[in-house]
Amino acid sequence: MKAPPESPEVPPPRARKNPLSPKKLLLTKWTAVAPTRREKHFVVVRVIEPEPPAVRIEQVELEAVHSRRVMLIYWRELTDASQWRQGWV
């Protein structure tokens, strides 16, 4: 009996994270991991442009789909997987 040929060791796929760009956040959809006030799904309705254009974008406005309530957050909070998931889950 022939031994099966050894397969070359394939490295496991790397978890590749797509970096968020604040300029491309407009109209993106987000799901809150821990919903409050029955607000789970959100849409970025505005990217707050800083007064001197040379300064980096810091904040975005999220609008709750359920209540239409608008909240202002730092856009980097969206990268925290314990708080937000991209898309409507």
PDB file of N, CA and C in Angstrom:
ATOM      1  N   MET A   1       0.817  -1.186   0.000  1.00  0.00           N
ATOM      2  CA  MET A   1       0.000   0.000   0.000  1.00  0.00           C
ATOM      3  C   MET A   1       0.854   1.239   0.000  1.00  0.00           C
ATOM      4  N   LYS A   2       0.431   2.173  -0.793  1.00  0.00           N
ATOM      5  CA  LYS A   2       1.179   3.427  -0.872  1.00  0.00           C
ATOM      6  C   LYS A   2       0.673   4.401   0.185  1.00  0.00           C
ATOM      7  N   ALA A   3       1.591   5.094   0.760  1.00  0.00           N
ATOM      8  CA  ALA A   3       1.212   6.141   1.719  1.00  0.00           C
ATOM      9  C   ALA A   3       0.713   7.350   0.940  1.00  0.00           C
ATOM     10  N   PRO A   4      -0.317   8.007   1.439  1.00  0.00           N
ATOM     11  CA  PRO A   4      -0.805   9.193   0.711  1.00  0.00           C
ATOM     12  C   PRO A   4       0.278  10.262   0.654  1.00  0.00           C
ATOM     13  N   PRO A   5       0.353  10.948  -0.465  1.00  0.00           N
ATOM     14  CA  PRO A   5       1.381  11.988  -0.585  1.00  0.00           C
ATOM     15  C   PRO A   5       1.129  13.095   0.438  1.00  0.00           C
ATOM     16  N   GLU A   6       2.219  13.542   0.981  1.00  0.00           N
ATOM     17  CA  GLU A   6       2.098  14.613   1.972  1.00  0.00           C
ATOM     18  C   GLU A   6       1.720  15.909   1.258  1.00  0.00           C
ATOM     19  N   SER A   7       0.715  16.544   1.807  1.00  0.00           N
ATOM     20  CA  SER A   7       0.305  17.812   1.203  1.00  0.00           C
ATOM     21  C   SER A   7       1.146  18.931   1.807  1.00  0.00           C
ATOM     22  N   PRO A   8       1.487  19.897   0.983  1.00  0.00           N
ATOM     23  CA  PRO A   8       2.271  21.011   1.523  1.00  0.00           C
ATOM     24  C   PRO A   8       1.446  21.741   2.581  1.00  0.00           C
ATOM     25  N   GLU A   9       2.132  22.126   3.601  1.00  0.00           N
ATOM     26  CA  GLU A   9       1.437  22.803   4.706  1.00  0.00           C
ATOM     27  C   GLU A   9       0.952  24.179   4.248  1.00  0.00           C
ATOM     28  N   VAL A  10      -0.327  24.392   4.386  1.00  0.00           N
ATOM     29  CA  VAL A  10      -0.928  25.656   3.976  1.00  0.00           C
ATOM     30  C   VAL A  10      -1.156  26.497   5.225  1.00  0.00           C
ATOM     31  N   PRO A  11      -0.631  27.708   5.241  1.00  0.00           N
ATOM     32  CA  PRO A  11      -0.834  28.535   6.437  1.00  0.00           C
ATOM     33  C   PRO A  11      -2.312  28.904   6.571  1.00  0.00           C
ATOM     34  N   PRO A  12      -2.772  29.046   7.810  1.00  0.00           N
ATOM     35  CA  PRO A  12      -4.176  29.438   7.997  1.00  0.00           C
ATOM     36  C   PRO A  12      -4.413  30.844   7.454  1.00  0.00           C
ATOM     37  N   PRO A  13      -5.624  31.090   6.962  1.00  0.00           N
ATOM     38  CA  PRO A  13      -5.888  32.433   6.430  1.00  0.00           C
ATOM     39  C   PRO A  13      -5.792  33.483   7.527  1.00  0.00           C
ATOM     40  N   ARG A  14      -5.204  34.580   7.177  1.00  0.00           N
ATOM     41  CA  ARG A  14      -5.064  35.677   8.140  1.00  0.00           C
ATOM     42  C   ARG A  14      -6.361  36.451   8.215  1.00  0.00           C
ATOM     43  N   ALA A  15      -6.667  36.868   9.417  1.00  0.00           N
ATOM     44  CA  ALA A  15      -7.840  37.734   9.569  1.00  0.00           C
ATOM     45  C   ALA A  15      -7.451  39.092   9.023  1.00  0.00           C
ATOM     46  N   ARG A  16      -8.063  39.450   7.931  1.00  0.00           N
ATOM     47  CA  ARG A  16      -7.708  40.700   7.269  1.00  0.00           C
ATOM     48  C   ARG A  16      -8.806  41.711   7.527  1.00  0.00           C
ATOM     49  N   LYS A  17      -8.433  42.785   8.109  1.00  0.00           N
ATOM     50  CA  LYS A  17      -9.390  43.797   8.479  1.00  0.00           C
ATOM     51  C   LYS A  17      -9.326  44.939   7.479  1.00  0.00           C
ATOM     52  N   ASN A  18     -10.463  45.277   6.922  1.00  0.00           N
ATOM     53  CA  ASN A  18     -10.492  46.420   6.023  1.00  0.00           C
ATOM     54  C   ASN A  18     -10.520  47.678   6.867  1.00  0.00           C
ATOM     55  N   PRO A  19      -9.548  48.530   6.707  1.00  0.00           N
ATOM     56  CA  PRO A  19      -9.551  49.753   7.503  1.00  0.00           C
ATOM     57  C   PRO A  19     -10.683  50.676   7.062  1.00  0.00           C
ATOM     58  N   LEU A  20     -11.287  51.318   8.037  1.00  0.00           N
ATOM     59  CA  LEU A  20     -12.343  52.282   7.737  1.00  0.00           C
ATOM     60  C   LEU A  20     -11.722  53.606   7.339  1.00  0.00           C
ATOM     61  N   SER A  21     -12.308  54.225   6.376  1.00  0.00           N
ATOM     62  CA  SER A  21     -11.884  55.554   5.973  1.00  0.00           C
ATOM     63  C   SER A  21     -13.003  56.520   6.339  1.00  0.00           C
ATOM     64  N   PRO A  22     -12.723  57.566   7.087  1.00  0.00           N
ATOM     65  CA  PRO A  22     -13.793  58.480   7.493  1.00  0.00           C
ATOM     66  C   PRO A  22     -14.475  59.153   6.314  1.00  0.00           C
ATOM     67  N   LYS A  23     -13.772  59.304   5.205  1.00  0.00           N
ATOM     68  CA  LYS A  23     -14.367  59.959   4.043  1.00  0.00           C
ATOM     69  C   LYS A  23     -15.375  59.061   3.330  1.00  0.00           C
ATOM     70  N   LYS A  24     -15.308  57.758   3.579  1.00  0.00           N
ATOM     71  CA  LYS A  24     -16.208  56.827   2.914  1.00  0.00           C
ATOM     72  C   LYS A  24     -17.309  56.312   3.838  1.00  0.00           C
ATOM     73  N   LEU A  25     -17.488  56.918   4.977  1.00  0.00           N
ATOM     74  CA  LEU A  25     -18.478  56.452   5.942  1.00  0.00           C
ATOM     75  C   LEU A  25     -19.904  56.916   5.645  1.00  0.00           C
ATOM     76  N   LEU A  26     -20.061  57.959   4.866  1.00  0.00           N
ATOM     77  CA  LEU A  26     -21.384  58.517   4.615  1.00  0.00           C
ATOM     78  C   LEU A  26     -22.331  57.449   4.050  1.00  0.00           C
ATOM     79  N   LEU A  27     -23.493  57.327   4.665  1.00  0.00           N
ATOM     80  CA  LEU A  27     -24.567  56.402   4.299  1.00  0.00           C
ATOM     81  C   LEU A  27     -24.234  54.924   4.543  1.00  0.00           C
ATOM     82  N   THR A  28     -23.189  54.645   5.325  1.00  0.00           N
ATOM     83  CA  THR A  28     -22.922  53.255   5.690  1.00  0.00           C
ATOM     84  C   THR A  28     -23.865  52.845   6.810  1.00  0.00           C
ATOM     85  N   LYS A  29     -24.117  51.540   6.918  1.00  0.00           N
ATOM     86  CA  LYS A  29     -25.075  51.004   7.883  1.00  0.00           C
ATOM     87  C   LYS A  29     -24.330  50.299   9.011  1.00  0.00           C
ATOM     88  N   TRP A  30     -24.847  50.432  10.243  1.00  0.00           N
ATOM     89  CA  TRP A  30     -24.211  49.882  11.428  1.00  0.00           C
ATOM     90  C   TRP A  30     -25.249  49.273  12.354  1.00  0.00           C
ATOM     91  N   THR A  31     -24.849  48.237  13.070  1.00  0.00           N
ATOM     92  CA  THR A  31     -25.704  47.590  14.058  1.00  0.00           C
ATOM     93  C   THR A  31     -25.039  47.723  15.418  1.00  0.00           C
ATOM     94  N   ALA A  32     -25.809  48.194  16.394  1.00  0.00           N
ATOM     95  CA  ALA A  32     -25.302  48.296  17.759  1.00  0.00           C
ATOM     96  C   ALA A  32     -25.297  46.906  18.384  1.00  0.00           C
ATOM     97  N   VAL A  33     -24.206  46.541  19.042  1.00  0.00           N
ATOM     98  CA  VAL A  33     -24.104  45.246  19.695  1.00  0.00           C
ATOM     99  C   VAL A  33     -25.041  45.199  20.904  1.00  0.00           C
ATOM    100  N   ALA A  34     -25.121  46.293  21.644  1.00  0.00           N
ATOM    101  CA  ALA A  34     -25.997  46.379  22.818  1.00  0.00           C
ATOM    102  C   ALA A  34     -27.014  47.499  22.569  1.00  0.00           C
ATOM    103  N   PRO A  35     -28.146  47.191  21.946  1.00  0.00           N
ATOM    104  CA  PRO A  35     -29.135  48.231  21.626  1.00  0.00           C
ATOM    105  C   PRO A  35     -29.719  48.883  22.871  1.00  0.00           C
ATOM    106  N   THR A  36     -29.983  50.179  22.780  1.00  0.00           N
ATOM    107  CA  THR A  36     -30.674  50.911  23.843  1.00  0.00           C
ATOM    108  C   THR A  36     -31.866  51.613  23.220  1.00  0.00           C
ATOM    109  N   ARG A  37     -32.933  51.739  23.984  1.00  0.00           N
ATOM    110  CA  ARG A  37     -34.170  52.380  23.511  1.00  0.00           C
ATOM    111  C   ARG A  37     -34.715  51.727  22.242  1.00  0.00           C
ATOM    112  N   ARG A  38     -34.528  50.433  22.109  1.00  0.00           N
ATOM    113  CA  ARG A  38     -34.964  49.681  20.924  1.00  0.00           C
ATOM    114  C   ARG A  38     -34.291  50.176  19.647  1.00  0.00           C
ATOM    115  N   GLU A  39     -33.171  50.856  19.781  1.00  0.00           N
ATOM    116  CA  GLU A  39     -32.421  51.353  18.625  1.00  0.00           C
ATOM    117  C   GLU A  39     -31.232  50.411  18.375  1.00  0.00           C
ATOM    118  N   LYS A  40     -31.325  49.694  17.289  1.00  0.00           N
ATOM    119  CA  LYS A  40     -30.287  48.726  16.963  1.00  0.00           C
ATOM    120  C   LYS A  40     -29.581  49.065  15.657  1.00  0.00           C
ATOM    121  N   HIS A  41     -30.339  49.520  14.674  1.00  0.00           N
ATOM    122  CA  HIS A  41     -29.777  49.804  13.354  1.00  0.00           C
ATOM    123  C   HIS A  41     -29.609  51.309  13.146  1.00  0.00           C
ATOM    124  N   PHE A  42     -28.455  51.665  12.581  1.00  0.00           N
ATOM    125  CA  PHE A  42     -28.091  53.067  12.394  1.00  0.00           C
ATOM    126  C   PHE A  42     -27.521  53.286  11.004  1.00  0.00           C
ATOM    127  N   VAL A  43     -27.601  54.533  10.548  1.00  0.00           N
ATOM    128  CA  VAL A  43     -27.012  54.946   9.271  1.00  0.00           C
ATOM    129  C   VAL A  43     -26.180  56.193   9.539  1.00  0.00           C
ATOM    130  N   VAL A  44     -24.999  56.267   8.948  1.00  0.00           N
ATOM    131  CA  VAL A  44     -24.192  57.484   9.046  1.00  0.00           C
ATOM    132  C   VAL A  44     -24.811  58.502   8.092  1.00  0.00           C
ATOM    133  N   VAL A  45     -25.376  59.575   8.652  1.00  0.00           N
ATOM    134  CA  VAL A  45     -26.064  60.567   7.826  1.00  0.00           C
ATOM    135  C   VAL A  45     -25.206  61.797   7.544  1.00  0.00           C
ATOM    136  N   ARG A  46     -24.130  61.969   8.303  1.00  0.00           N
ATOM    137  CA  ARG A  46     -23.272  63.136   8.066  1.00  0.00           C
ATOM    138  C   ARG A  46     -21.878  62.880   8.611  1.00  0.00           C
ATOM    139  N   VAL A  47     -20.894  63.256   7.845  1.00  0.00           N
ATOM    140  CA  VAL A  47     -19.500  63.236   8.293  1.00  0.00           C
ATOM    141  C   VAL A  47     -19.165  64.676   8.637  1.00  0.00           C
ATOM    142  N   ILE A  48     -18.788  64.917   9.892  1.00  0.00           N
ATOM    143  CA  ILE A  48     -18.508  66.273  10.358  1.00  0.00           C
ATOM    144  C   ILE A  48     -17.137  66.706   9.844  1.00  0.00           C
ATOM    145  N   GLU A  49     -17.156  67.676   8.951  1.00  0.00           N
ATOM    146  CA  GLU A  49     -15.905  68.205   8.394  1.00  0.00           C
ATOM    147  C   GLU A  49     -15.340  69.247   9.372  1.00  0.00           C
ATOM    148  N   PRO A  50     -14.057  69.155   9.697  1.00  0.00           N
ATOM    149  CA  PRO A  50     -13.450  70.141  10.586  1.00  0.00           C
ATOM    150  C   PRO A  50     -13.337  71.500   9.895  1.00  0.00           C
ATOM    151  N   GLU A  51     -13.301  72.535  10.693  1.00  0.00           N
ATOM    152  CA  GLU A  51     -13.252  73.899  10.145  1.00  0.00           C
ATOM    153  C   GLU A  51     -11.995  74.118   9.300  1.00  0.00           C
ATOM    154  N   PRO A  52     -10.793  73.954   9.857  1.00  0.00           N
ATOM    155  CA  PRO A  52      -9.653  74.022   8.931  1.00  0.00           C
ATOM    156  C   PRO A  52      -9.579  72.687   8.186  1.00  0.00           C
ATOM    157  N   PRO A  53      -9.672  72.704   6.871  1.00  0.00           N
ATOM    158  CA  PRO A  53      -9.715  71.449   6.104  1.00  0.00           C
ATOM    159  C   PRO A  53      -8.503  70.549   6.283  1.00  0.00           C
ATOM    160  N   ALA A  54      -7.394  71.093   6.764  1.00  0.00           N
ATOM    161  CA  ALA A  54      -6.195  70.282   6.937  1.00  0.00           C
ATOM    162  C   ALA A  54      -6.303  69.350   8.146  1.00  0.00           C
ATOM    163  N   VAL A  55      -7.258  69.604   9.032  1.00  0.00           N
ATOM    164  CA  VAL A  55      -7.430  68.785  10.227  1.00  0.00           C
ATOM    165  C   VAL A  55      -8.217  67.524   9.862  1.00  0.00           C
ATOM    166  N   ARG A  56      -7.921  66.431  10.536  1.00  0.00           N
ATOM    167  CA  ARG A  56      -8.572  65.152  10.247  1.00  0.00           C
ATOM    168  C   ARG A  56     -10.041  65.150  10.669  1.00  0.00           C
ATOM    169  N   ILE A  57     -10.821  64.352   9.970  1.00  0.00           N
ATOM    170  CA  ILE A  57     -12.220  64.155  10.334  1.00  0.00           C
ATOM    171  C   ILE A  57     -12.252  63.358  11.634  1.00  0.00           C
ATOM    172  N   GLU A  58     -13.051  63.825  12.587  1.00  0.00           N
ATOM    173  CA  GLU A  58     -13.108  63.178  13.889  1.00  0.00           C
ATOM    174  C   GLU A  58     -14.466  62.545  14.176  1.00  0.00           C
ATOM    175  N   GLN A  59     -15.560  63.212  13.775  1.00  0.00           N
ATOM    176  CA  GLN A  59     -16.881  62.768  14.208  1.00  0.00           C
ATOM    177  C   GLN A  59     -17.839  62.539  13.040  1.00  0.00           C
ATOM    178  N   VAL A  60     -18.846  61.708  13.323  1.00  0.00           N
ATOM    179  CA  VAL A  60     -19.921  61.447  12.371  1.00  0.00           C
ATOM    180  C   VAL A  60     -21.248  61.501  13.116  1.00  0.00           C
ATOM    181  N   GLU A  61     -22.322  61.726  12.368  1.00  0.00           N
ATOM    182  CA  GLU A  61     -23.660  61.675  12.931  1.00  0.00           C
ATOM    183  C   GLU A  61     -24.307  60.365  12.519  1.00  0.00           C
ATOM    184  N   LEU A  62     -24.810  59.644  13.505  1.00  0.00           N
ATOM    185  CA  LEU A  62     -25.542  58.404  13.249  1.00  0.00           C
ATOM    186  C   LEU A  62     -27.016  58.660  13.492  1.00  0.00           C
ATOM    187  N   GLU A  63     -27.855  58.143  12.616  1.00  0.00           N
ATOM    188  CA  GLU A  63     -29.293  58.264  12.801  1.00  0.00           C
ATOM    189  C   GLU A  63     -29.881  56.873  13.023  1.00  0.00           C
ATOM    190  N   ALA A  64     -30.656  56.739  14.107  1.00  0.00           N
ATOM    191  CA  ALA A  64     -31.315  55.474  14.393  1.00  0.00           C
ATOM    192  C   ALA A  64     -32.447  55.270  13.395  1.00  0.00           C
ATOM    193  N   VAL A  65     -32.539  54.103  12.818  1.00  0.00           N
ATOM    194  CA  VAL A  65     -33.570  53.819  11.829  1.00  0.00           C
ATOM    195  C   VAL A  65     -34.945  53.781  12.496  1.00  0.00           C
ATOM    196  N   HIS A  66     -35.027  53.224  13.694  1.00  0.00           N
ATOM    197  CA  HIS A  66     -36.303  53.056  14.387  1.00  0.00           C
ATOM    198  C   HIS A  66     -36.914  54.386  14.835  1.00  0.00           C
ATOM    199  N   SER A  67     -36.108  55.234  15.457  1.00  0.00           N
ATOM    200  CA  SER A  67     -36.648  56.454  16.077  1.00  0.00           C
ATOM    201  C   SER A  67     -36.252  57.743  15.371  1.00  0.00           C
ATOM    202  N   ARG A  68     -35.343  57.658  14.428  1.00  0.00           N
ATOM    203  CA  ARG A  68     -34.809  58.837  13.732  1.00  0.00           C
ATOM    204  C   ARG A  68     -33.992  59.760  14.652  1.00  0.00           C
ATOM    205  N   ARG A  69     -33.633  59.263  15.839  1.00  0.00           N
ATOM    206  CA  ARG A  69     -32.800  60.041  16.754  1.00  0.00           C
ATOM    207  C   ARG A  69     -31.388  60.111  16.183  1.00  0.00           C
ATOM    208  N   VAL A  70     -30.786  61.277  16.258  1.00  0.00           N
ATOM    209  CA  VAL A  70     -29.434  61.491  15.731  1.00  0.00           C
ATOM    210  C   VAL A  70     -28.461  61.610  16.890  1.00  0.00           C
ATOM    211  N   MET A  71     -27.337  60.934  16.762  1.00  0.00           N
ATOM    212  CA  MET A  71     -26.296  61.045  17.793  1.00  0.00           C
ATOM    213  C   MET A  71     -24.955  61.292  17.135  1.00  0.00           C
ATOM    214  N   LEU A  72     -24.132  62.039  17.819  1.00  0.00           N
ATOM    215  CA  LEU A  72     -22.809  62.411  17.340  1.00  0.00           C
ATOM    216  C   LEU A  72     -21.794  61.528  18.048  1.00  0.00           C
ATOM    217  N   ILE A  73     -20.952  60.827  17.279  1.00  0.00           N
ATOM    218  CA  ILE A  73     -19.922  59.988  17.881  1.00  0.00           C
ATOM    219  C   ILE A  73     -18.601  60.199  17.146  1.00  0.00           C
ATOM    220  N   TYR A  74     -17.521  59.795  17.795  1.00  0.00           N
ATOM    221  CA  TYR A  74     -16.222  59.781  17.132  1.00  0.00           C
ATOM    222  C   TYR A  74     -16.218  58.582  16.193  1.00  0.00           C
ATOM    223  N   TRP A  75     -15.829  58.787  14.947  1.00  0.00           N
ATOM    224  CA  TRP A  75     -15.944  57.739  13.950  1.00  0.00           C
ATOM    225  C   TRP A  75     -15.112  56.507  14.288  1.00  0.00           C
ATOM    226  N   ARG A  76     -14.052  56.668  15.038  1.00  0.00           N
ATOM    227  CA  ARG A  76     -13.206  55.521  15.399  1.00  0.00           C
ATOM    228  C   ARG A  76     -13.917  54.556  16.352  1.00  0.00           C
ATOM    229  N   GLU A  77     -14.977  55.016  17.022  1.00  0.00           N
ATOM    230  CA  GLU A  77     -15.758  54.116  17.870  1.00  0.00           C
ATOM    231  C   GLU A  77     -16.377  53.003  17.039  1.00  0.00           C
ATOM    232  N   LEU A  78     -16.618  53.251  15.773  1.00  0.00           N
ATOM    233  CA  LEU A  78     -17.218  52.242  14.903  1.00  0.00           C
ATOM    234  C   LEU A  78     -16.289  51.061  14.665  1.00  0.00           C
ATOM    235  N   THR A  79     -15.009  51.213  14.932  1.00  0.00           N
ATOM    236  CA  THR A  79     -14.056  50.112  14.752  1.00  0.00           C
ATOM    237  C   THR A  79     -14.046  49.175  15.954  1.00  0.00           C
ATOM    238  N   ASP A  80     -14.726  49.544  17.049  1.00  0.00           N
ATOM    239  CA  ASP A  80     -14.779  48.727  18.254  1.00  0.00           C
ATOM    240  C   ASP A  80     -15.836  47.628  18.079  1.00  0.00           C
ATOM    241  N   ALA A  81     -15.389  46.401  17.900  1.00  0.00           N
ATOM    242  CA  ALA A  81     -16.303  45.277  17.650  1.00  0.00           C
ATOM    243  C   ALA A  81     -17.178  44.953  18.856  1.00  0.00           C
ATOM    244  N   SER A  82     -16.813  45.426  20.029  1.00  0.00           N
ATOM    245  CA  SER A  82     -17.662  45.173  21.194  1.00  0.00           C
ATOM    246  C   SER A  82     -18.860  46.125  21.228  1.00  0.00           C
ATOM    247  N   GLN A  83     -18.851  47.169  20.371  1.00  0.00           N
ATOM    248  CA  GLN A  83     -19.945  48.129  20.338  1.00  0.00           C
ATOM    249  C   GLN A  83     -20.707  48.122  19.020  1.00  0.00           C
ATOM    250  N   TRP A  84     -20.014  47.919  17.898  1.00  0.00           N
ATOM    251  CA  TRP A  84     -20.628  48.070  16.579  1.00  0.00           C
ATOM    252  C   TRP A  84     -20.271  46.937  15.641  1.00  0.00           C
ATOM    253  N   ARG A  85     -21.215  46.596  14.762  1.00  0.00           N
ATOM    254  CA  ARG A  85     -20.990  45.670  13.652  1.00  0.00           C
ATOM    255  C   ARG A  85     -21.343  46.410  12.372  1.00  0.00           C
ATOM    256  N   GLN A  86     -20.514  46.258  11.360  1.00  0.00           N
ATOM    257  CA  GLN A  86     -20.801  46.930  10.096  1.00  0.00           C
ATOM    258  C   GLN A  86     -21.928  46.203   9.371  1.00  0.00           C
ATOM    259  N   GLY A  87     -22.838  46.957   8.813  1.00  0.00           N
ATOM    260  CA  GLY A  87     -24.014  46.388   8.151  1.00  0.00           C
ATOM    261  C   GLY A  87     -25.140  46.208   9.140  1.00  0.00           C
ATOM    262  N   TRP A  88     -26.270  45.722   8.644  1.00  0.00           N
ATOM    263  CA  TRP A  88     -27.425  45.474   9.515  1.00  0.00           C
ATOM    264  C   TRP A  88     -27.490  43.981   9.770  1.00  0.00           C
ATOM    265  N   VAL A  89     -27.138  43.606  10.972  1.00  0.00           N
ATOM    266  CA  VAL A  89     -27.083  42.201  11.360  1.00  0.00           C
ATOM    267  C   VAL A  89     -28.351  41.838  12.114  1.00  0.00           C
TER     268      VAL A  89
END
